[in-house]
Amino acid sequence: MRSFIENFPHSSNRLALAPLFPDYVEEIKLAAETSTLVPIPDGARFALFSFDASVRVKLGTKTTVLADPRQTTDGSGGEWNPAARRIPEFLPDGVTRPTHLCLRAPAAALGSVSFYA
């Protein structure tokens, strides 16, 4: 898997704003109001998202589910339309390793998730 962070001189100034094309991309077709799990490939440290509609994303495991949008007061919600995120070593519990991304859209959506090391 291609690295997201490049060595100097490519990591400096304007070149750092445009990463290389990824060599690991998952194309995804989301059905309306259905949670979809996307496995995180081994070695992935960054995920970049591109969809043609609004999408919620939550980092988790193969049992993670995103319910209908609702107001949360405990921090358990999904994030709407992230652009790029770093994949942490552990989930907030400090023990569980993330293995999947859970995605859900209010309407059918097409898109991709690009992974980088």
N, C-alpha and C. Protein backbone atom coordinates (compact mmCIF):
# COMPACT_ATOMS: atom_id res chain seq x y z
N MET A 1 0.85 -1.17 0.00
CA MET A 1 0.00 0.00 0.00
C MET A 1 0.89 1.23 0.00
N ARG A 2 0.52 2.21 -0.80
CA ARG A 2 1.29 3.44 -0.93
C ARG A 2 1.20 4.26 0.35
N SER A 3 2.29 4.89 0.74
CA SER A 3 2.34 5.73 1.93
C SER A 3 1.70 7.08 1.66
N PHE A 4 0.94 7.58 2.62
CA PHE A 4 0.32 8.90 2.50
C PHE A 4 1.33 10.01 2.75
N ILE A 5 2.28 9.75 3.64
CA ILE A 5 3.29 10.74 3.99
C ILE A 5 4.57 10.40 3.23
N GLU A 6 5.02 11.33 2.42
CA GLU A 6 6.21 11.11 1.60
C GLU A 6 7.42 11.78 2.23
N ASN A 7 8.58 11.31 1.84
CA ASN A 7 9.83 11.91 2.29
C ASN A 7 10.08 13.22 1.56
N PHE A 8 10.89 14.07 2.17
CA PHE A 8 11.29 15.33 1.57
C PHE A 8 11.90 15.03 0.20
N PRO A 9 11.70 15.78 -0.85
CA PRO A 9 11.06 17.09 -0.90
C PRO A 9 9.55 17.02 -1.13
N HIS A 10 8.99 15.81 -1.37
CA HIS A 10 7.57 15.71 -1.70
C HIS A 10 6.65 16.02 -0.52
N SER A 11 7.18 15.98 0.69
CA SER A 11 6.36 16.25 1.88
C SER A 11 6.35 17.73 2.25
N SER A 12 6.98 18.56 1.45
CA SER A 12 7.07 19.97 1.81
C SER A 12 6.14 20.82 0.96
N ASN A 13 5.71 21.90 1.53
CA ASN A 13 4.94 22.94 0.86
C ASN A 13 3.78 22.42 0.04
N ARG A 14 3.67 22.84 -1.20
CA ARG A 14 2.50 22.55 -2.02
C ARG A 14 2.37 21.08 -2.39
N LEU A 15 3.46 20.37 -2.53
CA LEU A 15 3.37 18.96 -2.91
C LEU A 15 2.64 18.13 -1.85
N ALA A 16 2.74 18.55 -0.60
CA ALA A 16 2.08 17.81 0.49
C ALA A 16 0.56 17.92 0.41
N LEU A 17 0.04 18.89 -0.33
CA LEU A 17 -1.41 19.06 -0.44
C LEU A 17 -2.04 18.09 -1.43
N ALA A 18 -1.23 17.44 -2.24
CA ALA A 18 -1.75 16.51 -3.24
C ALA A 18 -1.02 15.18 -3.13
N PRO A 19 -1.57 14.23 -2.39
CA PRO A 19 -0.91 12.93 -2.28
C PRO A 19 -0.93 12.20 -3.62
N LEU A 20 -0.06 11.22 -3.74
CA LEU A 20 -0.04 10.37 -4.93
C LEU A 20 -1.37 9.63 -5.06
N PHE A 21 -1.68 9.19 -6.29
CA PHE A 21 -2.85 8.34 -6.46
C PHE A 21 -2.68 7.10 -5.61
N PRO A 22 -3.74 6.63 -4.96
CA PRO A 22 -3.63 5.45 -4.10
C PRO A 22 -3.49 4.18 -4.95
N ASP A 23 -2.95 3.15 -4.34
CA ASP A 23 -2.92 1.86 -5.01
C ASP A 23 -3.87 0.86 -4.34
N TYR A 24 -4.68 1.35 -3.38
CA TYR A 24 -5.68 0.51 -2.73
C TYR A 24 -6.96 1.33 -2.57
N VAL A 25 -7.95 1.04 -3.40
CA VAL A 25 -9.21 1.79 -3.40
C VAL A 25 -10.38 0.81 -3.37
N GLU A 26 -11.32 1.06 -2.48
CA GLU A 26 -12.58 0.29 -2.45
C GLU A 26 -13.68 1.16 -3.06
N GLU A 27 -14.28 0.69 -4.15
CA GLU A 27 -15.44 1.37 -4.72
C GLU A 27 -16.67 0.82 -4.01
N ILE A 28 -17.57 1.72 -3.64
CA ILE A 28 -18.68 1.33 -2.78
C ILE A 28 -20.00 1.85 -3.32
N LYS A 29 -20.99 0.96 -3.31
CA LYS A 29 -22.36 1.31 -3.69
C LYS A 29 -23.21 1.14 -2.45
N LEU A 30 -23.72 2.27 -1.92
CA LEU A 30 -24.52 2.23 -0.70
C LEU A 30 -26.01 2.26 -1.04
N ALA A 31 -26.75 1.35 -0.45
CA ALA A 31 -28.20 1.39 -0.55
C ALA A 31 -28.72 2.39 0.48
N ALA A 32 -29.86 2.98 0.22
CA ALA A 32 -30.43 3.96 1.14
C ALA A 32 -30.71 3.33 2.50
N GLU A 33 -30.31 4.04 3.55
CA GLU A 33 -30.60 3.67 4.94
C GLU A 33 -30.18 2.25 5.30
N THR A 34 -29.01 1.85 4.83
CA THR A 34 -28.47 0.53 5.15
C THR A 34 -27.03 0.67 5.59
N SER A 35 -26.69 0.12 6.75
CA SER A 35 -25.30 0.14 7.21
C SER A 35 -24.47 -0.80 6.34
N THR A 36 -23.31 -0.32 5.90
CA THR A 36 -22.40 -1.11 5.08
C THR A 36 -21.03 -1.10 5.73
N LEU A 37 -20.46 -2.29 5.93
CA LEU A 37 -19.14 -2.41 6.52
C LEU A 37 -18.07 -2.52 5.43
N VAL A 38 -17.00 -1.76 5.60
CA VAL A 38 -15.86 -1.80 4.69
C VAL A 38 -14.65 -2.23 5.52
N PRO A 39 -14.06 -3.38 5.20
CA PRO A 39 -12.87 -3.81 5.95
C PRO A 39 -11.71 -2.84 5.74
N ILE A 40 -10.98 -2.58 6.82
CA ILE A 40 -9.78 -1.76 6.74
C ILE A 40 -8.63 -2.69 6.38
N PRO A 41 -7.93 -2.43 5.27
CA PRO A 41 -6.84 -3.33 4.89
C PRO A 41 -5.67 -3.27 5.88
N ASP A 42 -4.95 -4.37 5.99
CA ASP A 42 -3.77 -4.41 6.86
C ASP A 42 -2.80 -3.31 6.47
N GLY A 43 -2.29 -2.60 7.45
CA GLY A 43 -1.30 -1.56 7.21
C GLY A 43 -1.87 -0.20 6.89
N ALA A 44 -3.18 -0.09 6.74
CA ALA A 44 -3.79 1.20 6.41
C ALA A 44 -3.74 2.14 7.61
N ARG A 45 -3.29 3.37 7.38
CA ARG A 45 -3.22 4.38 8.44
C ARG A 45 -4.09 5.60 8.12
N PHE A 46 -4.48 5.73 6.84
CA PHE A 46 -5.27 6.87 6.42
C PHE A 46 -6.38 6.39 5.48
N ALA A 47 -7.54 7.03 5.56
CA ALA A 47 -8.65 6.76 4.65
C ALA A 47 -9.14 8.09 4.08
N LEU A 48 -9.32 8.14 2.76
CA LEU A 48 -9.84 9.33 2.08
C LEU A 48 -11.16 8.94 1.44
N PHE A 49 -12.19 9.78 1.64
CA PHE A 49 -13.55 9.45 1.23
C PHE A 49 -14.00 10.37 0.10
N SER A 50 -14.72 9.79 -0.86
CA SER A 50 -15.30 10.57 -1.95
C SER A 50 -16.62 9.91 -2.35
N PHE A 51 -17.73 10.63 -2.16
CA PHE A 51 -19.06 10.10 -2.48
C PHE A 51 -19.88 11.14 -3.20
N ASP A 52 -20.89 10.68 -3.94
CA ASP A 52 -21.73 11.60 -4.69
C ASP A 52 -22.97 12.05 -3.90
N ALA A 53 -23.02 11.70 -2.63
CA ALA A 53 -24.13 12.10 -1.75
C ALA A 53 -23.61 12.13 -0.32
N SER A 54 -24.43 12.60 0.59
CA SER A 54 -24.03 12.63 2.00
C SER A 54 -23.93 11.23 2.56
N VAL A 55 -22.86 11.00 3.32
CA VAL A 55 -22.59 9.69 3.90
C VAL A 55 -22.09 9.87 5.32
N ARG A 56 -22.57 9.01 6.22
CA ARG A 56 -22.04 8.99 7.59
C ARG A 56 -21.03 7.87 7.70
N VAL A 57 -19.98 8.11 8.48
CA VAL A 57 -18.92 7.12 8.65
C VAL A 57 -18.61 6.98 10.13
N LYS A 58 -18.40 5.74 10.55
CA LYS A 58 -18.00 5.48 11.93
C LYS A 58 -16.92 4.40 11.92
N LEU A 59 -15.85 4.63 12.63
CA LEU A 59 -14.77 3.67 12.77
C LEU A 59 -15.19 2.61 13.77
N GLY A 60 -14.91 1.34 13.46
CA GLY A 60 -15.32 0.31 14.41
C GLY A 60 -14.79 -1.06 14.05
N THR A 61 -15.64 -2.07 14.29
CA THR A 61 -15.30 -3.46 14.03
C THR A 61 -16.39 -4.07 13.17
N LYS A 62 -16.32 -5.38 12.96
CA LYS A 62 -17.32 -6.04 12.10
C LYS A 62 -18.71 -6.07 12.72
N THR A 63 -18.84 -5.64 13.97
CA THR A 63 -20.16 -5.59 14.62
C THR A 63 -20.71 -4.16 14.72
N THR A 64 -19.98 -3.18 14.22
CA THR A 64 -20.42 -1.78 14.30
C THR A 64 -21.61 -1.56 13.37
N VAL A 65 -22.60 -0.85 13.87
CA VAL A 65 -23.80 -0.52 13.10
C VAL A 65 -24.10 0.95 13.29
N LEU A 66 -24.51 1.61 12.23
CA LEU A 66 -25.01 2.99 12.33
C LEU A 66 -26.52 2.95 12.21
N ALA A 67 -27.22 3.38 13.25
CA ALA A 67 -28.68 3.42 13.24
C ALA A 67 -29.15 4.65 12.46
N ASP A 68 -30.46 4.80 12.33
CA ASP A 68 -31.00 6.01 11.72
C ASP A 68 -30.40 7.21 12.42
N PRO A 69 -30.18 8.31 11.69
CA PRO A 69 -29.62 9.50 12.35
C PRO A 69 -30.50 9.90 13.53
N ARG A 70 -29.83 10.25 14.59
CA ARG A 70 -30.53 10.67 15.80
C ARG A 70 -29.64 11.63 16.55
N GLN A 71 -30.20 12.31 17.47
CA GLN A 71 -29.39 13.20 18.31
C GLN A 71 -28.71 12.36 19.38
N THR A 72 -27.39 12.49 19.47
CA THR A 72 -26.65 11.77 20.51
C THR A 72 -26.11 12.77 21.52
N THR A 73 -25.95 12.30 22.72
CA THR A 73 -25.38 13.14 23.78
C THR A 73 -24.21 12.44 24.48
N ASP A 74 -23.75 11.33 23.85
CA ASP A 74 -22.66 10.57 24.47
C ASP A 74 -21.46 10.37 23.53
N GLY A 75 -21.45 11.06 22.40
CA GLY A 75 -20.33 10.96 21.47
C GLY A 75 -20.35 9.74 20.59
N SER A 76 -21.44 9.00 20.54
CA SER A 76 -21.49 7.74 19.80
C SER A 76 -21.96 7.87 18.35
N GLY A 77 -22.17 9.08 17.88
CA GLY A 77 -22.68 9.26 16.52
C GLY A 77 -21.62 9.02 15.46
N GLY A 78 -22.09 8.95 14.22
CA GLY A 78 -21.18 8.84 13.07
C GLY A 78 -20.85 10.24 12.57
N GLU A 79 -19.82 10.33 11.77
CA GLU A 79 -19.40 11.62 11.22
C GLU A 79 -19.94 11.76 9.81
N TRP A 80 -20.55 12.91 9.53
CA TRP A 80 -21.08 13.18 8.20
C TRP A 80 -19.97 13.66 7.28
N ASN A 81 -19.85 13.04 6.12
CA ASN A 81 -19.00 13.48 5.01
C ASN A 81 -17.55 13.81 5.39
N PRO A 82 -16.85 12.90 6.04
CA PRO A 82 -15.43 13.19 6.28
C PRO A 82 -14.68 13.19 4.95
N ALA A 83 -13.63 13.95 4.87
CA ALA A 83 -12.82 13.99 3.65
C ALA A 83 -11.64 13.02 3.77
N ALA A 84 -10.89 13.16 4.84
CA ALA A 84 -9.73 12.29 5.08
C ALA A 84 -9.57 12.11 6.58
N ARG A 85 -9.26 10.90 6.99
CA ARG A 85 -9.08 10.63 8.41
C ARG A 85 -7.91 9.67 8.62
N ARG A 86 -7.21 9.88 9.73
CA ARG A 86 -6.16 8.96 10.16
C ARG A 86 -6.82 7.83 10.93
N ILE A 87 -6.38 6.62 10.70
CA ILE A 87 -6.94 5.46 11.38
C ILE A 87 -6.07 5.20 12.62
N PRO A 88 -6.66 5.33 13.81
CA PRO A 88 -5.86 5.16 15.04
C PRO A 88 -5.57 3.68 15.29
N GLU A 89 -4.61 3.43 16.16
CA GLU A 89 -4.26 2.07 16.51
C GLU A 89 -5.37 1.38 17.31
N PHE A 90 -6.08 2.17 18.14
CA PHE A 90 -7.14 1.62 18.97
C PHE A 90 -8.39 2.49 18.90
N LEU A 91 -9.54 1.88 19.16
CA LEU A 91 -10.79 2.62 19.31
C LEU A 91 -10.75 3.36 20.64
N PRO A 92 -11.71 4.22 20.92
CA PRO A 92 -11.67 5.01 22.16
C PRO A 92 -11.57 4.20 23.45
N ASP A 93 -11.93 2.92 23.43
CA ASP A 93 -11.80 2.12 24.66
C ASP A 93 -10.34 1.82 25.00
N GLY A 94 -9.42 2.11 24.08
CA GLY A 94 -8.00 1.91 24.32
C GLY A 94 -7.52 0.48 24.21
N VAL A 95 -8.41 -0.44 23.85
CA VAL A 95 -8.08 -1.86 23.78
C VAL A 95 -8.38 -2.46 22.41
N THR A 96 -9.54 -2.12 21.86
CA THR A 96 -10.02 -2.72 20.62
C THR A 96 -9.37 -2.07 19.39
N ARG A 97 -8.86 -2.90 18.50
CA ARG A 97 -8.28 -2.39 17.25
C ARG A 97 -9.40 -2.22 16.22
N PRO A 98 -9.40 -1.11 15.50
CA PRO A 98 -10.41 -0.93 14.46
C PRO A 98 -10.16 -1.88 13.30
N THR A 99 -11.22 -2.49 12.79
CA THR A 99 -11.09 -3.42 11.67
C THR A 99 -11.97 -3.04 10.48
N HIS A 100 -12.98 -2.20 10.72
CA HIS A 100 -13.93 -1.85 9.67
C HIS A 100 -14.35 -0.39 9.78
N LEU A 101 -14.80 0.13 8.66
CA LEU A 101 -15.51 1.41 8.62
C LEU A 101 -16.97 1.08 8.38
N CYS A 102 -17.86 1.70 9.11
CA CYS A 102 -19.28 1.51 8.91
C CYS A 102 -19.81 2.77 8.21
N LEU A 103 -20.47 2.59 7.07
CA LEU A 103 -20.99 3.71 6.29
C LEU A 103 -22.50 3.58 6.15
N ARG A 104 -23.17 4.72 6.10
CA ARG A 104 -24.62 4.74 5.91
C ARG A 104 -25.01 6.05 5.25
N ALA A 105 -25.91 5.98 4.29
CA ALA A 105 -26.37 7.17 3.58
C ALA A 105 -27.89 7.23 3.61
N PRO A 106 -28.48 8.43 3.67
CA PRO A 106 -29.93 8.54 3.66
C PRO A 106 -30.54 8.19 2.31
N ALA A 107 -29.77 8.33 1.25
CA ALA A 107 -30.21 7.96 -0.10
C ALA A 107 -29.11 7.12 -0.73
N ALA A 108 -29.43 6.39 -1.77
CA ALA A 108 -28.42 5.58 -2.45
C ALA A 108 -27.25 6.48 -2.84
N ALA A 109 -26.04 5.94 -2.71
CA ALA A 109 -24.84 6.74 -2.99
C ALA A 109 -23.75 5.85 -3.59
N LEU A 110 -22.94 6.46 -4.45
CA LEU A 110 -21.77 5.81 -5.02
C LEU A 110 -20.54 6.56 -4.56
N GLY A 111 -19.46 5.83 -4.34
CA GLY A 111 -18.25 6.52 -3.94
C GLY A 111 -17.10 5.57 -3.79
N SER A 112 -16.06 6.09 -3.13
CA SER A 112 -14.86 5.27 -2.92
C SER A 112 -14.20 5.68 -1.62
N VAL A 113 -13.45 4.73 -1.08
CA VAL A 113 -12.58 4.98 0.05
C VAL A 113 -11.18 4.57 -0.39
N SER A 114 -10.25 5.52 -0.35
CA SER A 114 -8.86 5.26 -0.71
C SER A 114 -8.06 5.08 0.57
N PHE A 115 -7.27 4.03 0.63
CA PHE A 115 -6.49 3.75 1.82
C PHE A 115 -5.01 3.98 1.52
N TYR A 116 -4.32 4.52 2.52
CA TYR A 116 -2.88 4.76 2.45
C TYR A 116 -2.22 4.23 3.72
N ALA A 117 -0.97 3.83 3.58
CA ALA A 117 -0.18 3.38 4.74
C ALA A 117 0.38 4.60 5.45
